[in-house]
Amino acid sequence: MSEPKHDESFKVVDRRLFTPEGEFRKDVAEQQDREHETATSVTATQSSRNAAPGKDATATASSTAKPAARDTAQGAQPAASTAKRSPAFENLVRSLGQNAAMLLGGYADPRTGQPMLDLEGAREMIDMLDALREKTMGNLAPEEDTLVLDVLGNLKLAFMEMTKAATAAAMQQEKEKSRP
């Protein structure tokens, strides 16, 4: 007997908020907002079901204990401990943010005194913070989530401004070179 073939195809989705040219991709931001709202509503629905009156207490306890045990076995922390603030996480976010700001010209090179500008490196740091936010969504304390959003917002705004300024400077140099 032959076993039925399973469809093993997959879909790759680009979730970066910026195009290679540095333009903001609104469709990805809107998709992330929709996913966040859906996840929030699912969590609220599940917690209201668990607290619904008229259920047998042992049935409710056994239905909630199994997913928690499975999550803990997979390495996830229990829900009660995920809402604590972590100074280490906040330091990580700030460190990545400072490195990205440095690459966007926020700090001067100690040897030359000139601002360091590495747009590609800054984009990578911003993408890392985006990935960190995506992977920790729903597991952060409100202060941590606000910190990540603030840092990302400021960095993305600075990145867009620096990209526009670099493009304008490159265009100006081309105009000057083409003049006889």
N, C-alpha and C. Protein backbone atom coordinates (compact mmCIF):
# COMPACT_ATOMS: atom_id res chain seq x y z
N MET A 1 0.83 -1.19 0.00
CA MET A 1 0.00 0.00 0.00
C MET A 1 0.87 1.25 0.00
N SER A 2 0.47 2.21 -0.75
CA SER A 2 1.23 3.46 -0.77
C SER A 2 0.57 4.46 0.15
N GLU A 3 1.41 5.22 0.81
CA GLU A 3 0.90 6.24 1.72
C GLU A 3 0.54 7.49 0.93
N PRO A 4 -0.49 8.21 1.36
CA PRO A 4 -0.86 9.43 0.63
C PRO A 4 0.24 10.48 0.77
N LYS A 5 0.48 11.19 -0.31
CA LYS A 5 1.50 12.23 -0.29
C LYS A 5 0.95 13.47 0.40
N HIS A 6 1.78 14.07 1.21
CA HIS A 6 1.40 15.30 1.88
C HIS A 6 1.99 16.47 1.11
N ASP A 7 1.23 17.54 1.05
CA ASP A 7 1.72 18.75 0.39
C ASP A 7 2.77 19.39 1.29
N GLU A 8 4.02 19.39 0.84
CA GLU A 8 5.12 19.91 1.65
C GLU A 8 5.58 21.27 1.17
N SER A 9 4.70 22.01 0.55
CA SER A 9 5.09 23.35 0.09
C SER A 9 5.01 24.33 1.24
N PHE A 10 5.70 25.43 1.10
CA PHE A 10 5.68 26.45 2.12
C PHE A 10 5.71 27.81 1.44
N LYS A 11 5.39 28.81 2.21
CA LYS A 11 5.31 30.16 1.68
C LYS A 11 6.27 31.05 2.44
N VAL A 12 7.07 31.81 1.73
CA VAL A 12 8.01 32.73 2.34
C VAL A 12 7.37 34.12 2.30
N VAL A 13 7.31 34.76 3.46
CA VAL A 13 6.70 36.08 3.55
C VAL A 13 7.75 37.07 4.05
N ASP A 14 7.96 38.13 3.32
CA ASP A 14 8.90 39.17 3.70
C ASP A 14 8.18 40.13 4.65
N ARG A 15 8.60 40.17 5.90
CA ARG A 15 7.93 41.01 6.90
C ARG A 15 8.74 42.24 7.28
N ARG A 16 9.77 42.53 6.52
CA ARG A 16 10.54 43.73 6.83
C ARG A 16 9.68 44.95 6.55
N LEU A 17 9.83 45.98 7.37
CA LEU A 17 9.01 47.17 7.24
C LEU A 17 9.52 48.14 6.18
N PHE A 18 10.73 47.89 5.67
CA PHE A 18 11.30 48.80 4.68
C PHE A 18 11.65 48.03 3.41
N THR A 19 11.50 48.69 2.29
CA THR A 19 11.92 48.11 1.02
C THR A 19 13.43 48.27 0.91
N PRO A 20 14.07 47.61 -0.06
CA PRO A 20 15.52 47.79 -0.22
C PRO A 20 15.92 49.25 -0.48
N GLU A 21 15.00 50.05 -0.97
CA GLU A 21 15.29 51.45 -1.22
C GLU A 21 15.10 52.31 0.02
N GLY A 22 14.63 51.70 1.13
CA GLY A 22 14.44 52.44 2.37
C GLY A 22 13.05 53.00 2.54
N GLU A 23 12.13 52.65 1.64
CA GLU A 23 10.75 53.13 1.73
C GLU A 23 9.97 52.29 2.75
N PHE A 24 9.03 52.93 3.44
CA PHE A 24 8.21 52.26 4.44
C PHE A 24 7.15 51.42 3.74
N ARG A 25 7.00 50.16 4.15
CA ARG A 25 6.00 49.26 3.56
C ARG A 25 4.79 49.23 4.47
N LYS A 26 3.73 49.96 4.12
CA LYS A 26 2.54 50.06 4.96
C LYS A 26 1.80 48.74 5.05
N ASP A 27 1.81 47.94 3.98
CA ASP A 27 1.08 46.68 3.98
C ASP A 27 1.59 45.72 5.05
N VAL A 28 2.89 45.69 5.29
CA VAL A 28 3.45 44.81 6.31
C VAL A 28 3.08 45.30 7.70
N ALA A 29 3.15 46.60 7.92
CA ALA A 29 2.79 47.16 9.23
C ALA A 29 1.31 46.89 9.53
N GLU A 30 0.45 47.05 8.52
CA GLU A 30 -0.97 46.79 8.72
C GLU A 30 -1.21 45.31 9.02
N GLN A 31 -0.49 44.41 8.33
CA GLN A 31 -0.62 42.98 8.57
C GLN A 31 -0.20 42.63 9.99
N GLN A 32 0.90 43.22 10.47
CA GLN A 32 1.35 42.95 11.83
C GLN A 32 0.34 43.45 12.85
N ASP A 33 -0.27 44.60 12.59
CA ASP A 33 -1.30 45.12 13.49
C ASP A 33 -2.50 44.17 13.54
N ARG A 34 -2.91 43.66 12.37
CA ARG A 34 -4.04 42.73 12.34
C ARG A 34 -3.71 41.45 13.10
N GLU A 35 -2.49 40.94 12.93
CA GLU A 35 -2.09 39.72 13.64
C GLU A 35 -2.06 39.95 15.14
N HIS A 36 -1.58 41.12 15.56
CA HIS A 36 -1.53 41.43 16.99
C HIS A 36 -2.94 41.51 17.56
N GLU A 37 -3.86 42.16 16.83
CA GLU A 37 -5.25 42.27 17.30
C GLU A 37 -5.90 40.89 17.37
N THR A 38 -5.62 40.03 16.39
CA THR A 38 -6.18 38.69 16.39
C THR A 38 -5.65 37.89 17.56
N ALA A 39 -4.35 37.97 17.82
CA ALA A 39 -3.76 37.25 18.94
C ALA A 39 -4.34 37.73 20.26
N THR A 40 -4.56 39.03 20.39
CA THR A 40 -5.13 39.59 21.61
C THR A 40 -6.55 39.10 21.82
N SER A 41 -7.34 39.08 20.74
CA SER A 41 -8.73 38.64 20.87
C SER A 41 -8.82 37.14 21.15
N VAL A 42 -7.92 36.35 20.59
CA VAL A 42 -7.91 34.91 20.86
C VAL A 42 -7.57 34.66 22.32
N THR A 43 -6.59 35.38 22.84
CA THR A 43 -6.20 35.22 24.24
C THR A 43 -7.37 35.60 25.16
N ALA A 44 -8.04 36.70 24.83
CA ALA A 44 -9.18 37.13 25.65
C ALA A 44 -10.31 36.10 25.59
N THR A 45 -10.56 35.53 24.42
CA THR A 45 -11.60 34.52 24.27
C THR A 45 -11.27 33.27 25.05
N GLN A 46 -10.01 32.84 25.00
CA GLN A 46 -9.61 31.64 25.73
C GLN A 46 -9.72 31.84 27.23
N SER A 47 -9.33 33.00 27.73
CA SER A 47 -9.40 33.23 29.17
C SER A 47 -10.85 33.35 29.63
N SER A 48 -11.73 33.90 28.77
CA SER A 48 -13.14 33.98 29.16
C SER A 48 -13.78 32.59 29.14
N ARG A 49 -13.34 31.71 28.25
CA ARG A 49 -13.86 30.35 28.23
C ARG A 49 -13.44 29.58 29.47
N ASN A 50 -12.20 29.78 29.89
CA ASN A 50 -11.70 29.08 31.08
C ASN A 50 -12.40 29.54 32.34
N ALA A 51 -12.89 30.76 32.37
CA ALA A 51 -13.55 31.30 33.55
C ALA A 51 -15.07 31.19 33.44
N ALA A 52 -15.58 30.53 32.41
CA ALA A 52 -17.03 30.45 32.20
C ALA A 52 -17.67 29.65 33.33
N PRO A 53 -18.81 30.17 33.89
CA PRO A 53 -19.49 29.45 34.97
C PRO A 53 -20.21 28.22 34.43
N GLY A 54 -20.44 27.25 35.30
CA GLY A 54 -21.19 26.06 34.91
C GLY A 54 -20.31 24.93 34.42
N LYS A 55 -19.03 25.17 34.24
CA LYS A 55 -18.12 24.10 33.82
C LYS A 55 -17.72 23.30 35.04
N ASP A 56 -17.48 22.04 34.80
CA ASP A 56 -16.97 21.18 35.85
C ASP A 56 -15.56 21.62 36.19
N ALA A 57 -15.26 21.82 37.46
CA ALA A 57 -13.96 22.34 37.88
C ALA A 57 -12.83 21.40 37.47
N THR A 58 -13.05 20.10 37.52
CA THR A 58 -11.99 19.18 37.15
C THR A 58 -11.75 19.20 35.65
N ALA A 59 -12.80 19.39 34.87
CA ALA A 59 -12.64 19.46 33.41
C ALA A 59 -11.87 20.71 33.03
N THR A 60 -12.17 21.84 33.68
CA THR A 60 -11.47 23.07 33.39
C THR A 60 -10.01 22.95 33.80
N ALA A 61 -9.75 22.37 34.97
CA ALA A 61 -8.38 22.24 35.44
C ALA A 61 -7.57 21.34 34.51
N SER A 62 -8.17 20.23 34.07
CA SER A 62 -7.41 19.33 33.21
C SER A 62 -7.20 19.92 31.83
N SER A 63 -8.16 20.70 31.32
CA SER A 63 -8.00 21.28 29.98
C SER A 63 -6.96 22.40 29.99
N THR A 64 -6.81 23.12 31.10
CA THR A 64 -5.81 24.18 31.14
C THR A 64 -4.45 23.65 31.56
N ALA A 65 -4.41 22.55 32.27
CA ALA A 65 -3.12 22.03 32.73
C ALA A 65 -2.33 21.41 31.58
N LYS A 66 -2.99 20.78 30.64
CA LYS A 66 -2.27 20.13 29.54
C LYS A 66 -1.50 21.11 28.67
N PRO A 67 -2.12 22.23 28.20
CA PRO A 67 -1.33 23.15 27.40
C PRO A 67 -0.18 23.77 28.20
N ALA A 68 -0.41 24.06 29.47
CA ALA A 68 0.66 24.67 30.26
C ALA A 68 1.82 23.70 30.40
N ALA A 69 1.51 22.42 30.63
CA ALA A 69 2.57 21.44 30.76
C ALA A 69 3.31 21.29 29.43
N ARG A 70 2.58 21.31 28.33
CA ARG A 70 3.21 21.19 27.03
C ARG A 70 4.09 22.39 26.74
N ASP A 71 3.62 23.63 27.05
CA ASP A 71 4.42 24.83 26.83
C ASP A 71 5.69 24.80 27.67
N THR A 72 5.57 24.36 28.92
CA THR A 72 6.73 24.32 29.79
C THR A 72 7.73 23.29 29.28
N ALA A 73 7.22 22.17 28.77
CA ALA A 73 8.12 21.14 28.26
C ALA A 73 8.87 21.62 27.03
N GLN A 74 8.25 22.51 26.24
CA GLN A 74 8.89 23.02 25.04
C GLN A 74 9.86 24.16 25.35
N GLY A 75 9.97 24.54 26.59
CA GLY A 75 10.93 25.57 26.96
C GLY A 75 10.30 26.93 27.19
N ALA A 76 9.00 27.05 27.04
CA ALA A 76 8.34 28.33 27.27
C ALA A 76 8.14 28.51 28.77
N GLN A 77 8.14 29.75 29.19
CA GLN A 77 7.93 30.03 30.60
C GLN A 77 6.44 30.05 30.90
N PRO A 78 6.04 29.73 32.12
CA PRO A 78 4.63 29.82 32.48
C PRO A 78 4.15 31.27 32.36
N ALA A 79 2.86 31.45 32.12
CA ALA A 79 2.31 32.77 31.86
C ALA A 79 2.51 33.73 33.02
N ALA A 80 2.52 33.23 34.25
CA ALA A 80 2.66 34.10 35.41
C ALA A 80 4.02 34.79 35.44
N SER A 81 5.05 34.14 34.95
CA SER A 81 6.38 34.74 35.04
C SER A 81 6.76 35.56 33.81
N THR A 82 5.97 35.52 32.75
CA THR A 82 6.34 36.25 31.54
C THR A 82 6.07 37.74 31.64
N ALA A 83 5.23 38.18 32.57
CA ALA A 83 4.87 39.58 32.65
C ALA A 83 5.85 40.39 33.52
N LYS A 84 6.86 39.74 34.11
CA LYS A 84 7.82 40.46 34.93
C LYS A 84 8.76 41.28 34.05
N ARG A 85 9.15 42.45 34.56
CA ARG A 85 10.15 43.26 33.87
C ARG A 85 11.52 42.62 34.02
N SER A 86 12.27 42.65 32.95
CA SER A 86 13.60 42.08 32.98
C SER A 86 14.62 43.17 32.64
N PRO A 87 15.44 43.55 33.60
CA PRO A 87 16.47 44.55 33.30
C PRO A 87 17.42 44.10 32.19
N ALA A 88 17.68 42.80 32.10
CA ALA A 88 18.56 42.29 31.06
C ALA A 88 17.95 42.52 29.68
N PHE A 89 16.64 42.29 29.55
CA PHE A 89 15.97 42.51 28.27
C PHE A 89 15.99 43.99 27.90
N GLU A 90 15.72 44.84 28.88
CA GLU A 90 15.74 46.28 28.62
C GLU A 90 17.14 46.74 28.21
N ASN A 91 18.17 46.19 28.85
CA ASN A 91 19.54 46.53 28.46
C ASN A 91 19.86 46.06 27.05
N LEU A 92 19.37 44.89 26.69
CA LEU A 92 19.57 44.37 25.33
C LEU A 92 18.94 45.30 24.29
N VAL A 93 17.71 45.71 24.55
CA VAL A 93 17.02 46.60 23.61
C VAL A 93 17.75 47.93 23.51
N ARG A 94 18.15 48.48 24.65
CA ARG A 94 18.87 49.75 24.63
C ARG A 94 20.22 49.63 23.92
N SER A 95 20.91 48.52 24.14
CA SER A 95 22.20 48.31 23.50
C SER A 95 22.06 48.23 21.98
N LEU A 96 21.09 47.45 21.51
CA LEU A 96 20.86 47.37 20.07
C LEU A 96 20.45 48.73 19.51
N GLY A 97 19.63 49.46 20.27
CA GLY A 97 19.21 50.79 19.83
C GLY A 97 20.37 51.76 19.75
N GLN A 98 21.27 51.73 20.73
CA GLN A 98 22.42 52.62 20.70
C GLN A 98 23.37 52.28 19.56
N ASN A 99 23.55 50.99 19.30
CA ASN A 99 24.40 50.60 18.18
C ASN A 99 23.82 51.06 16.85
N ALA A 100 22.51 50.94 16.70
CA ALA A 100 21.86 51.40 15.47
C ALA A 100 21.97 52.92 15.35
N ALA A 101 21.77 53.63 16.46
CA ALA A 101 21.89 55.10 16.44
C ALA A 101 23.31 55.51 16.09
N MET A 102 24.29 54.77 16.59
CA MET A 102 25.68 55.06 16.28
C MET A 102 25.92 54.91 14.77
N LEU A 103 25.36 53.87 14.19
CA LEU A 103 25.53 53.62 12.76
C LEU A 103 24.75 54.63 11.90
N LEU A 104 23.80 55.30 12.51
CA LEU A 104 23.04 56.33 11.79
C LEU A 104 23.65 57.72 11.96
N GLY A 105 24.86 57.78 12.50
CA GLY A 105 25.54 59.06 12.64
C GLY A 105 25.29 59.76 13.94
N GLY A 106 24.72 59.08 14.91
CA GLY A 106 24.42 59.68 16.20
C GLY A 106 25.64 59.91 17.07
N TYR A 107 26.72 59.21 16.77
CA TYR A 107 27.95 59.35 17.54
C TYR A 107 29.11 59.58 16.59
N ALA A 108 30.11 60.27 17.09
CA ALA A 108 31.30 60.54 16.26
C ALA A 108 32.31 59.42 16.44
N ASP A 109 33.04 59.15 15.38
CA ASP A 109 34.14 58.18 15.43
C ASP A 109 35.24 58.79 16.30
N PRO A 110 35.69 58.09 17.33
CA PRO A 110 36.69 58.67 18.23
C PRO A 110 38.02 59.00 17.54
N ARG A 111 38.36 58.29 16.48
CA ARG A 111 39.62 58.54 15.79
C ARG A 111 39.56 59.77 14.89
N THR A 112 38.45 59.91 14.17
CA THR A 112 38.36 61.00 13.19
C THR A 112 37.53 62.17 13.66
N GLY A 113 36.62 61.93 14.59
CA GLY A 113 35.73 62.99 15.04
C GLY A 113 34.53 63.17 14.11
N GLN A 114 34.48 62.40 13.03
CA GLN A 114 33.37 62.48 12.07
C GLN A 114 32.26 61.51 12.47
N PRO A 115 31.01 61.88 12.18
CA PRO A 115 29.92 60.94 12.48
C PRO A 115 30.04 59.67 11.63
N MET A 116 29.77 58.53 12.25
CA MET A 116 29.80 57.26 11.53
C MET A 116 28.44 57.07 10.87
N LEU A 117 28.44 56.71 9.60
CA LEU A 117 27.19 56.48 8.88
C LEU A 117 27.31 55.17 8.12
N ASP A 118 26.55 54.19 8.55
CA ASP A 118 26.49 52.89 7.89
C ASP A 118 25.01 52.49 7.83
N LEU A 119 24.35 52.88 6.74
CA LEU A 119 22.92 52.66 6.63
C LEU A 119 22.57 51.17 6.58
N GLU A 120 23.39 50.38 5.92
CA GLU A 120 23.11 48.95 5.84
C GLU A 120 23.24 48.28 7.21
N GLY A 121 24.26 48.66 7.95
CA GLY A 121 24.42 48.13 9.30
C GLY A 121 23.28 48.56 10.22
N ALA A 122 22.85 49.81 10.08
CA ALA A 122 21.73 50.30 10.89
C ALA A 122 20.46 49.55 10.54
N ARG A 123 20.26 49.28 9.25
CA ARG A 123 19.07 48.53 8.82
C ARG A 123 19.08 47.14 9.45
N GLU A 124 20.24 46.50 9.51
CA GLU A 124 20.33 45.18 10.12
C GLU A 124 19.98 45.24 11.60
N MET A 125 20.46 46.26 12.29
CA MET A 125 20.14 46.40 13.72
C MET A 125 18.63 46.62 13.91
N ILE A 126 18.04 47.43 13.06
CA ILE A 126 16.60 47.69 13.15
C ILE A 126 15.83 46.41 12.86
N ASP A 127 16.27 45.64 11.87
CA ASP A 127 15.63 44.36 11.57
C ASP A 127 15.74 43.39 12.74
N MET A 128 16.90 43.42 13.43
CA MET A 128 17.06 42.55 14.61
C MET A 128 16.07 42.95 15.70
N LEU A 129 15.91 44.24 15.93
CA LEU A 129 14.95 44.69 16.93
C LEU A 129 13.53 44.32 16.52
N ASP A 130 13.22 44.42 15.22
CA ASP A 130 11.91 44.01 14.73
C ASP A 130 11.67 42.52 14.99
N ALA A 131 12.68 41.71 14.71
CA ALA A 131 12.57 40.27 14.95
C ALA A 131 12.40 39.98 16.44
N LEU A 132 13.13 40.69 17.27
CA LEU A 132 13.02 40.53 18.71
C LEU A 132 11.61 40.88 19.18
N ARG A 133 11.07 41.96 18.66
CA ARG A 133 9.71 42.36 19.01
C ARG A 133 8.69 41.32 18.57
N GLU A 134 8.87 40.82 17.35
CA GLU A 134 7.94 39.83 16.82
C GLU A 134 7.98 38.54 17.64
N LYS A 135 9.17 38.09 18.00
CA LYS A 135 9.31 36.83 18.72
C LYS A 135 8.88 36.92 20.18
N THR A 136 8.90 38.12 20.75
CA THR A 136 8.52 38.27 22.15
C THR A 136 7.12 38.85 22.32
N MET A 137 6.41 39.05 21.21
CA MET A 137 5.08 39.66 21.28
C MET A 137 4.16 38.84 22.20
N GLY A 138 3.54 39.52 23.13
CA GLY A 138 2.64 38.87 24.06
C GLY A 138 3.33 38.34 25.31
N ASN A 139 4.64 38.37 25.34
CA ASN A 139 5.38 37.85 26.49
C ASN A 139 6.10 38.93 27.27
N LEU A 140 5.90 40.18 26.91
CA LEU A 140 6.62 41.27 27.54
C LEU A 140 5.74 41.99 28.54
N ALA A 141 6.37 42.56 29.55
CA ALA A 141 5.68 43.47 30.46
C ALA A 141 5.33 44.73 29.66
N PRO A 142 4.29 45.45 30.05
CA PRO A 142 3.90 46.65 29.29
C PRO A 142 5.04 47.66 29.13
N GLU A 143 5.87 47.81 30.15
CA GLU A 143 6.97 48.77 30.06
C GLU A 143 7.99 48.32 29.02
N GLU A 144 8.24 47.01 28.96
CA GLU A 144 9.19 46.48 27.98
C GLU A 144 8.67 46.64 26.56
N ASP A 145 7.39 46.36 26.38
CA ASP A 145 6.78 46.51 25.06
C ASP A 145 6.84 47.96 24.61
N THR A 146 6.55 48.88 25.52
CA THR A 146 6.63 50.31 25.20
C THR A 146 8.05 50.71 24.84
N LEU A 147 9.02 50.20 25.58
CA LEU A 147 10.42 50.51 25.30
C LEU A 147 10.80 50.05 23.89
N VAL A 148 10.45 48.82 23.54
CA VAL A 148 10.79 48.29 22.21
C VAL A 148 10.13 49.13 21.13
N LEU A 149 8.86 49.46 21.31
CA LEU A 149 8.15 50.26 20.31
C LEU A 149 8.76 51.65 20.17
N ASP A 150 9.11 52.28 21.29
CA ASP A 150 9.70 53.62 21.25
C ASP A 150 11.05 53.60 20.54
N VAL A 151 11.89 52.64 20.91
CA VAL A 151 13.22 52.55 20.29
C VAL A 151 13.08 52.30 18.79
N LEU A 152 12.22 51.35 18.42
CA LEU A 152 12.03 51.05 17.00
C LEU A 152 11.48 52.25 16.24
N GLY A 153 10.51 52.92 16.81
CA GLY A 153 9.92 54.08 16.14
C GLY A 153 10.95 55.17 15.90
N ASN A 154 11.73 55.48 16.92
CA ASN A 154 12.76 56.52 16.78
C ASN A 154 13.83 56.12 15.76
N LEU A 155 14.24 54.85 15.80
CA LEU A 155 15.27 54.40 14.87
C LEU A 155 14.77 54.40 13.43
N LYS A 156 13.55 53.97 13.23
CA LYS A 156 13.01 53.92 11.86
C LYS A 156 12.85 55.33 11.29
N LEU A 157 12.42 56.24 12.13
CA LEU A 157 12.30 57.63 11.68
C LEU A 157 13.67 58.19 11.33
N ALA A 158 14.65 57.97 12.19
CA ALA A 158 16.01 58.44 11.91
C ALA A 158 16.58 57.77 10.67
N PHE A 159 16.30 56.49 10.49
CA PHE A 159 16.79 55.78 9.31
C PHE A 159 16.22 56.38 8.04
N MET A 160 14.93 56.65 8.04
CA MET A 160 14.31 57.25 6.86
C MET A 160 14.90 58.62 6.56
N GLU A 161 15.11 59.42 7.60
CA GLU A 161 15.68 60.75 7.40
C GLU A 161 17.11 60.67 6.86
N MET A 162 17.90 59.77 7.43
CA MET A 162 19.29 59.63 6.98
C MET A 162 19.36 59.07 5.56
N THR A 163 18.46 58.16 5.22
CA THR A 163 18.43 57.62 3.87
C THR A 163 18.09 58.70 2.86
N LYS A 164 17.11 59.53 3.20
CA LYS A 164 16.75 60.64 2.30
C LYS A 164 17.90 61.63 2.17
N ALA A 165 18.56 61.93 3.28
CA ALA A 165 19.68 62.87 3.24
C ALA A 165 20.84 62.30 2.42
N ALA A 166 21.12 61.00 2.58
CA ALA A 166 22.20 60.38 1.83
C ALA A 166 21.88 60.34 0.34
N THR A 167 20.63 60.08 0.01
CA THR A 167 20.21 60.07 -1.39
C THR A 167 20.32 61.47 -1.99
N ALA A 168 19.89 62.47 -1.25
CA ALA A 168 19.98 63.85 -1.75
C ALA A 168 21.44 64.26 -1.93
N ALA A 169 22.32 63.87 -1.01
CA ALA A 169 23.74 64.21 -1.13
C ALA A 169 24.36 63.51 -2.34
N ALA A 170 23.98 62.25 -2.58
CA ALA A 170 24.51 61.53 -3.73
C ALA A 170 24.04 62.16 -5.04
N MET A 171 22.80 62.59 -5.06
CA MET A 171 22.27 63.24 -6.27
C MET A 171 22.98 64.57 -6.50
N GLN A 172 23.26 65.31 -5.43
CA GLN A 172 23.96 66.58 -5.55
C GLN A 172 25.36 66.37 -6.10
N GLN A 173 26.05 65.33 -5.62
CA GLN A 173 27.40 65.04 -6.12
C GLN A 173 27.37 64.65 -7.59
N GLU A 174 26.35 63.92 -8.00
CA GLU A 174 26.23 63.55 -9.42
C GLU A 174 26.02 64.78 -10.29
N LYS A 175 25.22 65.72 -9.80
CA LYS A 175 24.99 66.96 -10.55
C LYS A 175 26.28 67.75 -10.69
N GLU A 176 27.06 67.81 -9.61
CA GLU A 176 28.32 68.54 -9.63
C GLU A 176 29.34 67.87 -10.57
N LYS A 177 29.35 66.55 -10.62
CA LYS A 177 30.26 65.83 -11.49
C LYS A 177 29.90 66.01 -12.96
N SER A 178 28.61 66.10 -13.24
CA SER A 178 28.19 66.21 -14.64
C SER A 178 28.37 67.61 -15.22
N ARG A 179 28.61 68.59 -14.37
CA ARG A 179 28.86 69.96 -14.85
C ARG A 179 30.27 70.04 -15.44
N PRO A 180 30.41 70.70 -16.59
CA PRO A 180 31.75 70.85 -17.19
C PRO A 180 32.59 71.90 -16.53
